[in-house]
C-alpha atoms as a PDB file:
ATOM      1  CA  MET A   1      -7.092  12.678  -2.522  1.00  0.00           C
ATOM      2  CA  ALA A   2      -8.653  10.819  -0.810  1.00  0.00           C
ATOM      3  CA  LYS A   3     -12.271  10.755   1.120  1.00  0.00           C
ATOM      4  CA  VAL A   4     -15.383   9.723   1.822  1.00  0.00           C
ATOM      5  CA  VAL A   5     -17.993   7.859  -0.345  1.00  0.00           C
ATOM      6  CA  ALA A   6     -20.711   7.398   2.631  1.00  0.00           C
ATOM      7  CA  VAL A   7     -20.449   6.213   6.077  1.00  0.00           C
ATOM      8  CA  ASN A   8     -23.108   3.501   6.142  1.00  0.00           C
ATOM      9  CA  ILE A   9     -24.207   2.009  10.039  1.00  0.00           C
ATOM     10  CA  SER A  10     -26.370  -0.902  10.796  1.00  0.00           C
ATOM     11  CA  THR A  11     -28.827  -1.619  13.475  1.00  0.00           C
ATOM     12  CA  LYS A  12     -27.624  -5.734  13.645  1.00  0.00           C
ATOM     13  CA  THR A  13     -25.147  -7.644  12.572  1.00  0.00           C
ATOM     14  CA  GLY A  14     -24.686  -9.636   8.815  1.00  0.00           C
ATOM     15  CA  VAL A  15     -27.145  -7.130   6.923  1.00  0.00           C
ATOM     16  CA  ILE A  16     -26.160  -4.555   4.839  1.00  0.00           C
ATOM     17  CA  LYS A  17     -25.624  -0.880   6.098  1.00  0.00           C
ATOM     18  CA  LYS A  18     -27.775   2.120   4.874  1.00  0.00           C
ATOM     19  CA  PRO A  19     -25.851   5.734   3.756  1.00  0.00           C
ATOM     20  CA  VAL A  20     -26.627   8.468   6.305  1.00  0.00           C
ATOM     21  CA  GLU A  21     -25.756  12.118   6.308  1.00  0.00           C
ATOM     22  CA  SER A  22     -23.692  12.617   9.075  1.00  0.00           C
ATOM     23  CA  ALA A  23     -22.603  10.031  12.047  1.00  0.00           C
ATOM     24  CA  HIS A  24     -21.005   9.850  15.582  1.00  0.00           C
ATOM     25  CA  LEU A  25     -17.598   8.139  16.660  1.00  0.00           C
ATOM     26  CA  VAL A  26     -16.648   7.695  19.293  1.00  0.00           C
ATOM     27  CA  GLU A  27     -13.355   7.094  20.615  1.00  0.00           C
ATOM     28  CA  LYS A  28     -12.665   3.187  21.776  1.00  0.00           C
ATOM     29  CA  LEU A  29     -16.490   1.931  20.682  1.00  0.00           C
ATOM     30  CA  GLY A  30     -17.201   3.013  16.705  1.00  0.00           C
ATOM     31  CA  ILE A  31     -19.946   4.120  15.006  1.00  0.00           C
ATOM     32  CA  GLU A  32     -22.257   5.736  17.623  1.00  0.00           C
ATOM     33  CA  GLY A  33     -25.857   3.595  17.119  1.00  0.00           C
ATOM     34  CA  ASP A  34     -24.313   0.629  14.546  1.00  0.00           C
ATOM     35  CA  ALA A  35     -24.448  -2.865  15.127  1.00  0.00           C
ATOM     36  CA  HIS A  36     -20.797  -3.331  15.517  1.00  0.00           C
ATOM     37  CA  ALA A  37     -19.565  -0.989  18.067  1.00  0.00           C
ATOM     38  CA  GLY A  38     -18.494  -1.996  21.530  1.00  0.00           C
ATOM     39  CA  ASN A  39     -14.293  -2.416  23.241  1.00  0.00           C
ATOM     40  CA  TRP A  40     -13.328  -4.774  20.039  1.00  0.00           C
ATOM     41  CA  HIS A  41     -11.336  -4.756  17.163  1.00  0.00           C
ATOM     42  CA  ARG A  42     -13.373  -4.130  14.257  1.00  0.00           C
ATOM     43  CA  GLN A  43     -15.478  -1.275  15.475  1.00  0.00           C
ATOM     44  CA  VAL A  44     -15.161   0.900  12.143  1.00  0.00           C
ATOM     45  CA  SER A  45     -14.938  -0.902   8.623  1.00  0.00           C
ATOM     46  CA  LEU A  46     -13.784   0.439   5.756  1.00  0.00           C
ATOM     47  CA  LEU A  47     -14.273  -0.926   1.698  1.00  0.00           C
ATOM     48  CA  ASP A  48     -12.598   1.132  -1.177  1.00  0.00           C
ATOM     49  CA  GLN A  49     -14.870   1.783  -4.135  1.00  0.00           C
ATOM     50  CA  ALA A  50     -12.725   0.704  -6.520  1.00  0.00           C
ATOM     51  CA  SER A  51     -13.055  -2.709  -5.006  1.00  0.00           C
ATOM     52  CA  VAL A  52     -16.247  -1.984  -5.420  1.00  0.00           C
ATOM     53  CA  ASP A  53     -16.011  -1.378  -8.911  1.00  0.00           C
ATOM     54  CA  LYS A  54     -14.216  -5.003  -9.289  1.00  0.00           C
ATOM     55  CA  MET A  55     -18.010  -5.804  -8.686  1.00  0.00           C
ATOM     56  CA  THR A  56     -19.472  -3.989 -11.096  1.00  0.00           C
ATOM     57  CA  ALA A  57     -16.985  -5.006 -13.696  1.00  0.00           C
ATOM     58  CA  LEU A  58     -17.845  -8.583 -13.231  1.00  0.00           C
ATOM     59  CA  GLY A  59     -21.396  -8.140 -13.638  1.00  0.00           C
ATOM     60  CA  VAL A  60     -22.658  -7.656 -10.485  1.00  0.00           C
ATOM     61  CA  GLU A  61     -25.429  -5.105 -10.325  1.00  0.00           C
ATOM     62  CA  GLY A  62     -27.313  -2.321  -7.601  1.00  0.00           C
ATOM     63  CA  LEU A  63     -23.233  -2.144  -5.258  1.00  0.00           C
ATOM     64  CA  THR A  64     -25.209   0.782  -3.419  1.00  0.00           C
ATOM     65  CA  PRO A  65     -22.381   2.410  -0.849  1.00  0.00           C
ATOM     66  CA  GLY A  66     -23.414   0.346   2.249  1.00  0.00           C
ATOM     67  CA  ILE A  67     -24.308  -3.041   0.280  1.00  0.00           C
ATOM     68  CA  PHE A  68     -20.802  -5.188   1.596  1.00  0.00           C
ATOM     69  CA  ALA A  69     -21.351  -4.125   5.454  1.00  0.00           C
ATOM     70  CA  GLU A  70     -19.074  -1.193   5.486  1.00  0.00           C
ATOM     71  CA  ASN A  71     -18.889   1.831   7.632  1.00  0.00           C
ATOM     72  CA  ILE A  72     -17.375   4.250   5.356  1.00  0.00           C
ATOM     73  CA  THR A  73     -16.776   3.572   1.183  1.00  0.00           C
ATOM     74  CA  THR A  74     -13.648   5.512   0.921  1.00  0.00           C
ATOM     75  CA  GLU A  75     -12.366   6.796  -2.367  1.00  0.00           C
ATOM     76  CA  GLY A  76      -8.672   7.448  -3.715  1.00  0.00           C
ATOM     77  CA  ILE A  77      -7.386   5.048  -1.500  1.00  0.00           C
ATOM     78  CA  ALA A  78      -5.682   0.922  -1.560  1.00  0.00           C
ATOM     79  CA  LEU A  79      -6.822   0.786   2.428  1.00  0.00           C
ATOM     80  CA  HIS A  80      -6.116  -3.061   1.719  1.00  0.00           C
ATOM     81  CA  ALA A  81      -2.348  -2.499   1.038  1.00  0.00           C
ATOM     82  CA  LEU A  82      -1.993  -0.262   4.364  1.00  0.00           C
ATOM     83  CA  PRO A  83      -0.250  -2.179   6.810  1.00  0.00           C
ATOM     84  CA  ILE A  84      -1.406  -3.237  10.786  1.00  0.00           C
ATOM     85  CA  GLY A  85      -0.886  -0.131  12.454  1.00  0.00           C
ATOM     86  CA  THR A  86      -1.246   2.687  10.213  1.00  0.00           C
ATOM     87  CA  ARG A  87      -4.157   5.259  11.411  1.00  0.00           C
ATOM     88  CA  LEU A  88      -6.349   7.153   9.675  1.00  0.00           C
ATOM     89  CA  ARG A  89      -7.193  11.016   9.696  1.00  0.00           C
ATOM     90  CA  VAL A  90     -11.104  10.454   8.693  1.00  0.00           C
ATOM     91  CA  GLY A  91     -12.321  14.152   8.774  1.00  0.00           C
ATOM     92  CA  GLU A  92     -12.196  15.034  12.520  1.00  0.00           C
ATOM     93  CA  THR A  93     -11.241  11.776  13.658  1.00  0.00           C
ATOM     94  CA  GLU A  94      -8.408   9.366  14.740  1.00  0.00           C
ATOM     95  CA  LEU A  95      -9.172   5.529  12.385  1.00  0.00           C
ATOM     96  CA  GLU A  96      -6.164   2.508  14.058  1.00  0.00           C
ATOM     97  CA  VAL A  97      -5.546  -0.088  11.293  1.00  0.00           C
ATOM     98  CA  THR A  98      -6.091  -3.364  13.079  1.00  0.00           C
ATOM     99  CA  GLN A  99      -7.067  -5.941  10.390  1.00  0.00           C
ATOM    100  CA  ILE A 100      -6.738  -6.259   6.605  1.00  0.00           C
ATOM    101  CA  GLY A 101      -9.914  -8.312   5.397  1.00  0.00           C
ATOM    102  CA  LYS A 102     -12.272 -11.416   6.766  1.00  0.00           C
ATOM    103  CA  GLU A 103     -13.634 -14.276   7.223  1.00  0.00           C
ATOM    104  CA  CYS A 104     -17.110 -14.221   4.321  1.00  0.00           C
ATOM    105  CA  HIS A 105     -19.906 -15.739   6.506  1.00  0.00           C
ATOM    106  CA  ALA A 106     -21.272 -17.617   3.096  1.00  0.00           C
ATOM    107  CA  HIS A 107     -24.803 -17.500   4.050  1.00  0.00           C
ATOM    108  CA  CYS A 108     -25.251 -13.674   5.751  1.00  0.00           C
ATOM    109  CA  GLN A 109     -27.982 -11.331   4.542  1.00  0.00           C
ATOM    110  CA  VAL A 110     -25.639  -9.872   2.048  1.00  0.00           C
ATOM    111  CA  TYR A 111     -23.636 -12.600   0.707  1.00  0.00           C
ATOM    112  CA  GLN A 112     -27.185 -14.114  -0.575  1.00  0.00           C
ATOM    113  CA  GLN A 113     -28.266 -10.177  -2.008  1.00  0.00           C
ATOM    114  CA  VAL A 114     -24.495 -10.197  -3.941  1.00  0.00           C
ATOM    115  CA  GLY A 115     -23.464 -13.766  -4.275  1.00  0.00           C
ATOM    116  CA  MET A 116     -20.350 -12.409  -3.554  1.00  0.00           C
ATOM    117  CA  CYS A 117     -17.901 -10.406  -1.623  1.00  0.00           C
ATOM    118  CA  ILE A 118     -14.586  -8.276  -1.684  1.00  0.00           C
ATOM    119  CA  MET A 119     -14.947  -7.469   2.458  1.00  0.00           C
ATOM    120  CA  PRO A 120     -12.697 -10.399   3.164  1.00  0.00           C
ATOM    121  CA  THR A 121     -10.304  -9.719   0.680  1.00  0.00           C
ATOM    122  CA  GLU A 122     -10.219  -5.977  -0.160  1.00  0.00           C
ATOM    123  CA  GLY A 123     -11.856  -4.512   3.752  1.00  0.00           C
ATOM    124  CA  ILE A 124     -10.696  -2.955   6.044  1.00  0.00           C
ATOM    125  CA  PHE A 125     -11.137  -2.829  10.176  1.00  0.00           C
ATOM    126  CA  THR A 126     -10.167  -0.413  12.649  1.00  0.00           C
ATOM    127  CA  ILE A 127     -10.774   1.133  16.173  1.00  0.00           C
ATOM    128  CA  VAL A 128     -11.497   4.971  16.758  1.00  0.00           C
ATOM    129  CA  ILE A 129      -8.515   6.650  17.551  1.00  0.00           C
ATOM    130  CA  ARG A 130      -9.605  10.095  17.678  1.00  0.00           C
ATOM    131  CA  GLY A 131     -13.484  10.043  17.819  1.00  0.00           C
ATOM    132  CA  GLY A 132     -15.785  13.298  15.555  1.00  0.00           C
ATOM    133  CA  GLU A 133     -18.307  13.168  13.272  1.00  0.00           C
ATOM    134  CA  ILE A 134     -17.834  11.874  10.037  1.00  0.00           C
ATOM    135  CA  ARG A 135     -19.687  12.090   6.511  1.00  0.00           C
ATOM    136  CA  ALA A 136     -19.687  12.033   2.465  1.00  0.00           C
ATOM    137  CA  GLY A 137     -16.468  13.989   1.334  1.00  0.00           C
ATOM    138  CA  ASP A 138     -14.196  14.218   4.560  1.00  0.00           C
ATOM    139  CA  ALA A 139     -10.638  14.064   3.336  1.00  0.00           C
ATOM    140  CA  ILE A 140      -8.973  11.042   4.463  1.00  0.00           C
ATOM    141  CA  GLU A 141      -5.409  11.148   5.153  1.00  0.00           C
ATOM    142  CA  VAL A 142      -2.946   8.140   5.880  1.00  0.00           C
ATOM    143  CA  LEU A 143      -0.835   8.971   9.414  1.00  0.00           C
ATOM    144  CA  ASN A 144       2.003   6.368   9.425  1.00  0.00           C
ATOM    145  CA  GLY A 145       1.301   4.185   6.232  1.00  0.00           C
ATOM    146  CA  VAL A 146       4.696   3.791   4.413  1.00  0.00           C
ATOM    147  CA  ARG A 147       6.880   5.970   3.791  1.00  0.00           C
ATOM    148  CA  ALA A 148       9.090   5.503   0.633  1.00  0.00           C
ATOM    149  CA  ALA A 149      11.832   6.918  -1.547  1.00  0.00           C
ATOM    150  CA  VAL A 150      12.780   6.444  -4.819  1.00  0.00           C
ATOM    151  CA  ILE A 151      16.164   7.180  -6.199  1.00  0.00           C
ATOM    152  CA  THR A 152      16.730   7.051 -10.101  1.00  0.00           C
ATOM    153  CA  LEU A 153      20.083   6.436 -11.062  1.00  0.00           C
ATOM    154  CA  SER A 154      21.206   7.518 -14.258  1.00  0.00           C
ATOM    155  CA  ASP A 155      24.353   9.584 -15.521  1.00  0.00           C
ATOM    156  CA  LYS A 156      22.402  11.831 -17.936  1.00  0.00           C
ATOM    157  CA  GLY A 157      20.255  12.466 -15.752  1.00  0.00           C
ATOM    158  CA  ALA A 158      21.949  13.689 -13.024  1.00  0.00           C
ATOM    159  CA  ALA A 159      23.781  16.186 -15.142  1.00  0.00           C
ATOM    160  CA  GLY A 160      20.417  17.459 -16.707  1.00  0.00           C
ATOM    161  CA  LEU A 161      20.453  15.928 -20.558  1.00  0.00           C
ATOM    162  CA  ARG A 162      17.970  13.319 -20.042  1.00  0.00           C
ATOM    163  CA  GLU A 163      14.156  14.537 -18.101  1.00  0.00           C
ATOM    164  CA  ASP A 164      13.857  11.220 -15.803  1.00  0.00           C
ATOM    165  CA  LYS A 165      10.237   9.592 -16.252  1.00  0.00           C
ATOM    166  CA  SER A 166      11.097   6.074 -14.312  1.00  0.00           C
ATOM    167  CA  GLY A 167      11.043   8.646 -11.069  1.00  0.00           C
ATOM    168  CA  PRO A 168       8.040   9.823 -11.175  1.00  0.00           C
ATOM    169  CA  ALA A 169       6.132   6.881 -12.577  1.00  0.00           C
ATOM    170  CA  LEU A 170       7.015   4.940  -9.584  1.00  0.00           C
ATOM    171  CA  VAL A 171       5.536   8.244  -7.693  1.00  0.00           C
ATOM    172  CA  GLU A 172       3.138   7.842  -9.373  1.00  0.00           C
ATOM    173  CA  ALA A 173       2.681   3.747  -9.467  1.00  0.00           C
ATOM    174  CA  LEU A 174       3.202   3.978  -5.304  1.00  0.00           C
ATOM    175  CA  ARG A 175      -0.685   6.501  -4.562  1.00  0.00           C
ATOM    176  CA  GLY A 176      -2.273   5.574  -2.467  1.00  0.00           C
ATOM    177  CA  HIS A 177       0.108   2.604  -1.542  1.00  0.00           C
ATOM    178  CA  ALA A 178       3.016   4.759  -0.205  1.00  0.00           C
ATOM    179  CA  LEU A 179       4.454   7.921   0.758  1.00  0.00           C
ATOM    180  CA  VAL A 180       6.898   8.776  -1.052  1.00  0.00           C
ATOM    181  CA  THR A 181       9.693  11.611   0.823  1.00  0.00           C
ATOM    182  CA  GLU A 182      12.041  11.982  -1.027  1.00  0.00           C
ATOM    183  CA  HIS A 183      12.958  11.350  -5.007  1.00  0.00           C
ATOM    184  CA  PHE A 184      15.716  12.556  -6.249  1.00  0.00           C
ATOM    185  CA  VAL A 185      18.191  11.279  -8.759  1.00  0.00           C
ATOM    186  CA  ILE A 186      21.877  11.051  -9.186  1.00  0.00           C
ATOM    187  CA  PRO A 187      24.860   9.422 -11.716  1.00  0.00           C
ATOM    188  CA  ASP A 188      26.006   6.432 -11.221  1.00  0.00           C
ATOM    189  CA  GLU A 189      28.729   6.298  -9.482  1.00  0.00           C
ATOM    190  CA  PHE A 190      29.206   3.566  -6.663  1.00  0.00           C
ATOM    191  CA  ASP A 191      29.637   5.937  -3.282  1.00  0.00           C
ATOM    192  CA  GLN A 192      27.812   8.115  -3.776  1.00  0.00           C
ATOM    193  CA  ILE A 193      24.726   5.147  -4.290  1.00  0.00           C
ATOM    194  CA  LYS A 194      26.044   3.739  -1.318  1.00  0.00           C
ATOM    195  CA  ALA A 195      25.942   6.867   0.700  1.00  0.00           C
ATOM    196  CA  GLU A 196      22.919   8.100  -0.110  1.00  0.00           C
ATOM    197  CA  LEU A 197      20.792   4.804   1.246  1.00  0.00           C
ATOM    198  CA  CYS A 198      22.880   4.763   4.484  1.00  0.00           C
ATOM    199  CA  ARG A 199      21.830   8.108   5.502  1.00  0.00           C
ATOM    200  CA  LEU A 200      18.120   7.162   4.323  1.00  0.00           C
ATOM    201  CA  ALA A 201      18.673   4.050   5.639  1.00  0.00           C
ATOM    202  CA  ASP A 202      19.278   5.539   8.911  1.00  0.00           C
ATOM    203  CA  SER A 203      17.665   8.412   9.362  1.00  0.00           C
ATOM    204  CA  GLY A 204      14.914   5.678  10.970  1.00  0.00           C
ATOM    205  CA  ASN A 205      12.197   7.971   8.979  1.00  0.00           C
ATOM    206  CA  LEU A 206      11.714   5.187   6.139  1.00  0.00           C
ATOM    207  CA  ASP A 207      10.185   2.057   5.330  1.00  0.00           C
ATOM    208  CA  LEU A 208      10.914   1.454   1.651  1.00  0.00           C
ATOM    209  CA  ILE A 209      14.793   2.173  -0.800  1.00  0.00           C
ATOM    210  CA  LEU A 210      13.118   2.039  -4.682  1.00  0.00           C
ATOM    211  CA  THR A 211      16.172   3.364  -6.948  1.00  0.00           C
ATOM    212  CA  THR A 212      15.595   3.089 -11.004  1.00  0.00           C
ATOM    213  CA  GLY A 213      18.924   2.257 -12.972  1.00  0.00           C
ATOM    214  CA  GLY A 214      22.111   0.946 -13.166  1.00  0.00           C
ATOM    215  CA  THR A 215      20.965  -2.427 -12.917  1.00  0.00           C
ATOM    216  CA  GLY A 216      22.496  -4.435 -16.250  1.00  0.00           C
ATOM    217  CA  LEU A 217      25.231  -4.852 -17.296  1.00  0.00           C
ATOM    218  CA  ALA A 218      27.497  -1.554 -18.802  1.00  0.00           C
ATOM    219  CA  PRO A 219      30.260  -1.231 -17.492  1.00  0.00           C
ATOM    220  CA  ARG A 220      28.019   1.870 -15.600  1.00  0.00           C
ATOM    221  CA  ASP A 221      25.289  -0.063 -14.178  1.00  0.00           C
ATOM    222  CA  VAL A 222      26.496  -0.375 -10.329  1.00  0.00           C
ATOM    223  CA  THR A 223      23.075  -0.601  -8.070  1.00  0.00           C
ATOM    224  CA  PRO A 224      23.767  -4.238  -7.364  1.00  0.00           C
ATOM    225  CA  GLU A 225      26.819  -3.207  -5.880  1.00  0.00           C
ATOM    226  CA  ALA A 226      26.303  -0.667  -4.159  1.00  0.00           C
ATOM    227  CA  THR A 227      22.828  -2.898  -2.970  1.00  0.00           C
ATOM    228  CA  LEU A 228      25.063  -5.233  -1.947  1.00  0.00           C
ATOM    229  CA  ALA A 229      27.631  -3.389   0.338  1.00  0.00           C
ATOM    230  CA  VAL A 230      24.939  -1.375   2.951  1.00  0.00           C
ATOM    231  CA  VAL A 231      22.469  -4.433   2.621  1.00  0.00           C
ATOM    232  CA  GLU A 232      22.206  -6.695   6.056  1.00  0.00           C
ATOM    233  CA  ARG A 233      20.185  -8.965   5.041  1.00  0.00           C
ATOM    234  CA  LEU A 234      19.121 -10.213   1.536  1.00  0.00           C
ATOM    235  CA  ALA A 235      15.695 -10.886  -0.416  1.00  0.00           C
ATOM    236  CA  PRO A 236      15.727 -12.491  -2.954  1.00  0.00           C
ATOM    237  CA  GLY A 237      12.881 -13.247  -3.741  1.00  0.00           C
ATOM    238  CA  ILE A 238      12.004 -10.032  -4.943  1.00  0.00           C
ATOM    239  CA  PRO A 239      14.457 -10.210  -7.400  1.00  0.00           C
ATOM    240  CA  GLU A 240      13.579 -13.193  -8.248  1.00  0.00           C
ATOM    241  CA  ALA A 241       9.073 -12.862  -8.928  1.00  0.00           C
ATOM    242  CA  MET A 242      10.212  -9.887 -10.319  1.00  0.00           C
ATOM    243  CA  ARG A 243      12.551 -11.209 -13.419  1.00  0.00           C
ATOM    244  CA  ALA A 244      10.559 -14.326 -13.819  1.00  0.00           C
ATOM    245  CA  GLU A 245       6.996 -12.314 -14.770  1.00  0.00           C
ATOM    246  CA  SER A 246       9.436  -9.841 -16.844  1.00  0.00           C
ATOM    247  CA  ARG A 247      10.514 -12.752 -18.226  1.00  0.00           C
ATOM    248  CA  LYS A 248       6.659 -14.116 -19.752  1.00  0.00           C
ATOM    249  CA  ILE A 249       7.279 -10.016 -21.095  1.00  0.00           C
ATOM    250  CA  THR A 250      11.041 -10.041 -22.714  1.00  0.00           C
ATOM    251  CA  ASP A 251      13.775 -11.834 -22.810  1.00  0.00           C
ATOM    252  CA  ARG A 252      16.019  -9.800 -21.439  1.00  0.00           C
ATOM    253  CA  ALA A 253      14.924  -9.512 -18.305  1.00  0.00           C
ATOM    254  CA  MET A 254      16.985 -11.983 -17.737  1.00  0.00           C
ATOM    255  CA  LEU A 255      19.873  -9.650 -17.962  1.00  0.00           C
ATOM    256  CA  SER A 256      19.165  -7.884 -14.763  1.00  0.00           C
ATOM    257  CA  ARG A 257      21.055  -7.713 -11.970  1.00  0.00           C
ATOM    258  CA  ALA A 258      17.974  -6.149  -9.050  1.00  0.00           C
ATOM    259  CA  GLN A 259      19.019  -6.838  -5.971  1.00  0.00           C
ATOM    260  CA  ALA A 260      16.407  -6.383  -2.972  1.00  0.00           C
ATOM    261  CA  GLY A 261      17.284  -6.456   1.595  1.00  0.00           C
ATOM    262  CA  VAL A 262      17.150  -5.026   4.599  1.00  0.00           C
ATOM    263  CA  ARG A 263      19.324  -2.507   6.118  1.00  0.00           C
ATOM    264  CA  GLY A 264      17.892  -2.124   9.958  1.00  0.00           C
ATOM    265  CA  ARG A 265      13.896  -2.027   9.279  1.00  0.00           C
ATOM    266  CA  THR A 266      14.380   0.010   5.898  1.00  0.00           C
ATOM    267  CA  LEU A 267      13.775  -2.838   2.360  1.00  0.00           C
ATOM    268  CA  ILE A 268      16.060  -1.874  -0.613  1.00  0.00           C
ATOM    269  CA  VAL A 269      14.544  -2.638  -3.894  1.00  0.00           C
ATOM    270  CA  ASN A 270      16.703  -2.140  -7.020  1.00  0.00           C
ATOM    271  CA  LEU A 271      13.924  -1.181 -10.522  1.00  0.00           C
ATOM    272  CA  PRO A 272      14.955  -1.441 -13.578  1.00  0.00           C
ATOM    273  CA  GLY A 273      16.142   2.163 -15.669  1.00  0.00           C
ATOM    274  CA  SER A 274      12.721   2.190 -18.200  1.00  0.00           C
ATOM    275  CA  PRO A 275       9.725   3.261 -16.890  1.00  0.00           C
ATOM    276  CA  LYS A 276       7.665   0.914 -18.200  1.00  0.00           C
ATOM    277  CA  GLY A 277       9.583  -1.587 -16.429  1.00  0.00           C
ATOM    278  CA  ALA A 278      10.392  -0.165 -12.545  1.00  0.00           C
ATOM    279  CA  VAL A 279       6.621   0.295 -12.835  1.00  0.00           C
ATOM    280  CA  GLU A 280       6.019  -3.316 -14.487  1.00  0.00           C
ATOM    281  CA  CYS A 281       8.115  -4.857 -11.929  1.00  0.00           C
ATOM    282  CA  LEU A 282       7.107  -2.962  -8.886  1.00  0.00           C
ATOM    283  CA  GLN A 283       3.401  -4.328  -9.582  1.00  0.00           C
ATOM    284  CA  VAL A 284       4.884  -7.925  -9.072  1.00  0.00           C
ATOM    285  CA  PHE A 285       6.202  -6.311  -5.750  1.00  0.00           C
ATOM    286  CA  LEU A 286       2.594  -4.434  -4.317  1.00  0.00           C
ATOM    287  CA  PRO A 287       0.551  -6.933  -3.312  1.00  0.00           C
ATOM    288  CA  VAL A 288       3.235  -8.131  -0.343  1.00  0.00           C
ATOM    289  CA  LEU A 289       4.976  -4.335   0.722  1.00  0.00           C
ATOM    290  CA  ALA A 290       2.776  -4.303   3.874  1.00  0.00           C
ATOM    291  CA  HIS A 291       3.291  -7.782   5.136  1.00  0.00           C
ATOM    292  CA  ALA A 292       6.914  -6.626   4.515  1.00  0.00           C
ATOM    293  CA  VAL A 293       6.633  -3.728   6.252  1.00  0.00           C
ATOM    294  CA  GLU A 294       4.846  -5.400   8.938  1.00  0.00           C
ATOM    295  CA  THR A 295       7.182  -7.528   9.335  1.00  0.00           C
ATOM    296  CA  LEU A 296      10.158  -5.052   9.952  1.00  0.00           C
ATOM    297  CA  ARG A 297       8.239  -3.200  12.177  1.00  0.00           C
ATOM    298  CA  GLY A 298       7.928  -6.013  14.137  1.00  0.00           C
ATOM    299  CA  GLU A 299       3.752  -5.961  14.149  1.00  0.00           C
ATOM    300  CA  ALA A 300       3.734  -9.679  12.232  1.00  0.00           C
ATOM    301  CA  TYR A 301       6.349 -12.882  12.491  1.00  0.00           C
ATOM    302  CA  GLU A 302       4.102 -15.180  10.402  1.00  0.00           C
ATOM    303  CA  CYS A 303       4.162 -14.616   6.439  1.00  0.00           C
ATOM    304  CA  ALA A 304       2.001 -18.172   5.941  1.00  0.00           C
ATOM    305  CA  ARG A 305      -1.306 -17.383   4.544  1.00  0.00           C
ATOM    306  CA  PRO A 306      -4.429 -18.158   7.399  1.00  0.00           C
END
């Protein structure tokens, strides 16, 4: 479960924030008494402990909550992977993500004391939609994050002759990146695969559909053909990138016929059938998942780096 590790405030901008027992969030303003509160788009900042741990692993010492000037230090949620517009329930409050990262001010107090900063790439900023009290230990829930489904394509799996390990591995790999609302196994039947892809994409309830299995050269491997039959626009860069990275691990990656494309506002991505291969390929795609969803939802239009 994602939760609040610490709540931190300061009365001046550009300085380290100090943990407090609790804080009051004010709708459309921010944290009462904090220097960043105001009628703007960066009222409350958040940074996950996993991001702080990356700095610790590099030898940076003394990284206490608030040292990166974050208002809320979290645990168990990939904040930087959330699309703009995502709403978070934090305790009794509600926040909306407005910005991922920010420009690092090289001469601020934080940079001088730490020597580097993780906020520019992995910190997020929010506005307060619903106010209330927050404190360490409060649960964090993603209200409208990336919504995904995972389909395992396997004749033996569907018949109960083989345990599905790839599907659960993908569900676990998506934890903190997307909410998996459906996960099931069906046989390698073209019409059935096509029907399920259409059903899920046309429901309007999903941003992402991942398939695992049926991407090779075997006669029953028809997942790419079923995918091509339902998508309206191709996204060839995704499978190209996955094949390129997988090729560094195994020569057999060049035999993959995986496809990716868009139907309506849902992205469909084919992944290999092995648990290891499926997760490795997903890891290639995860860094751009949030931006892909933002673009599909009409919330972002530029793909160039800022």
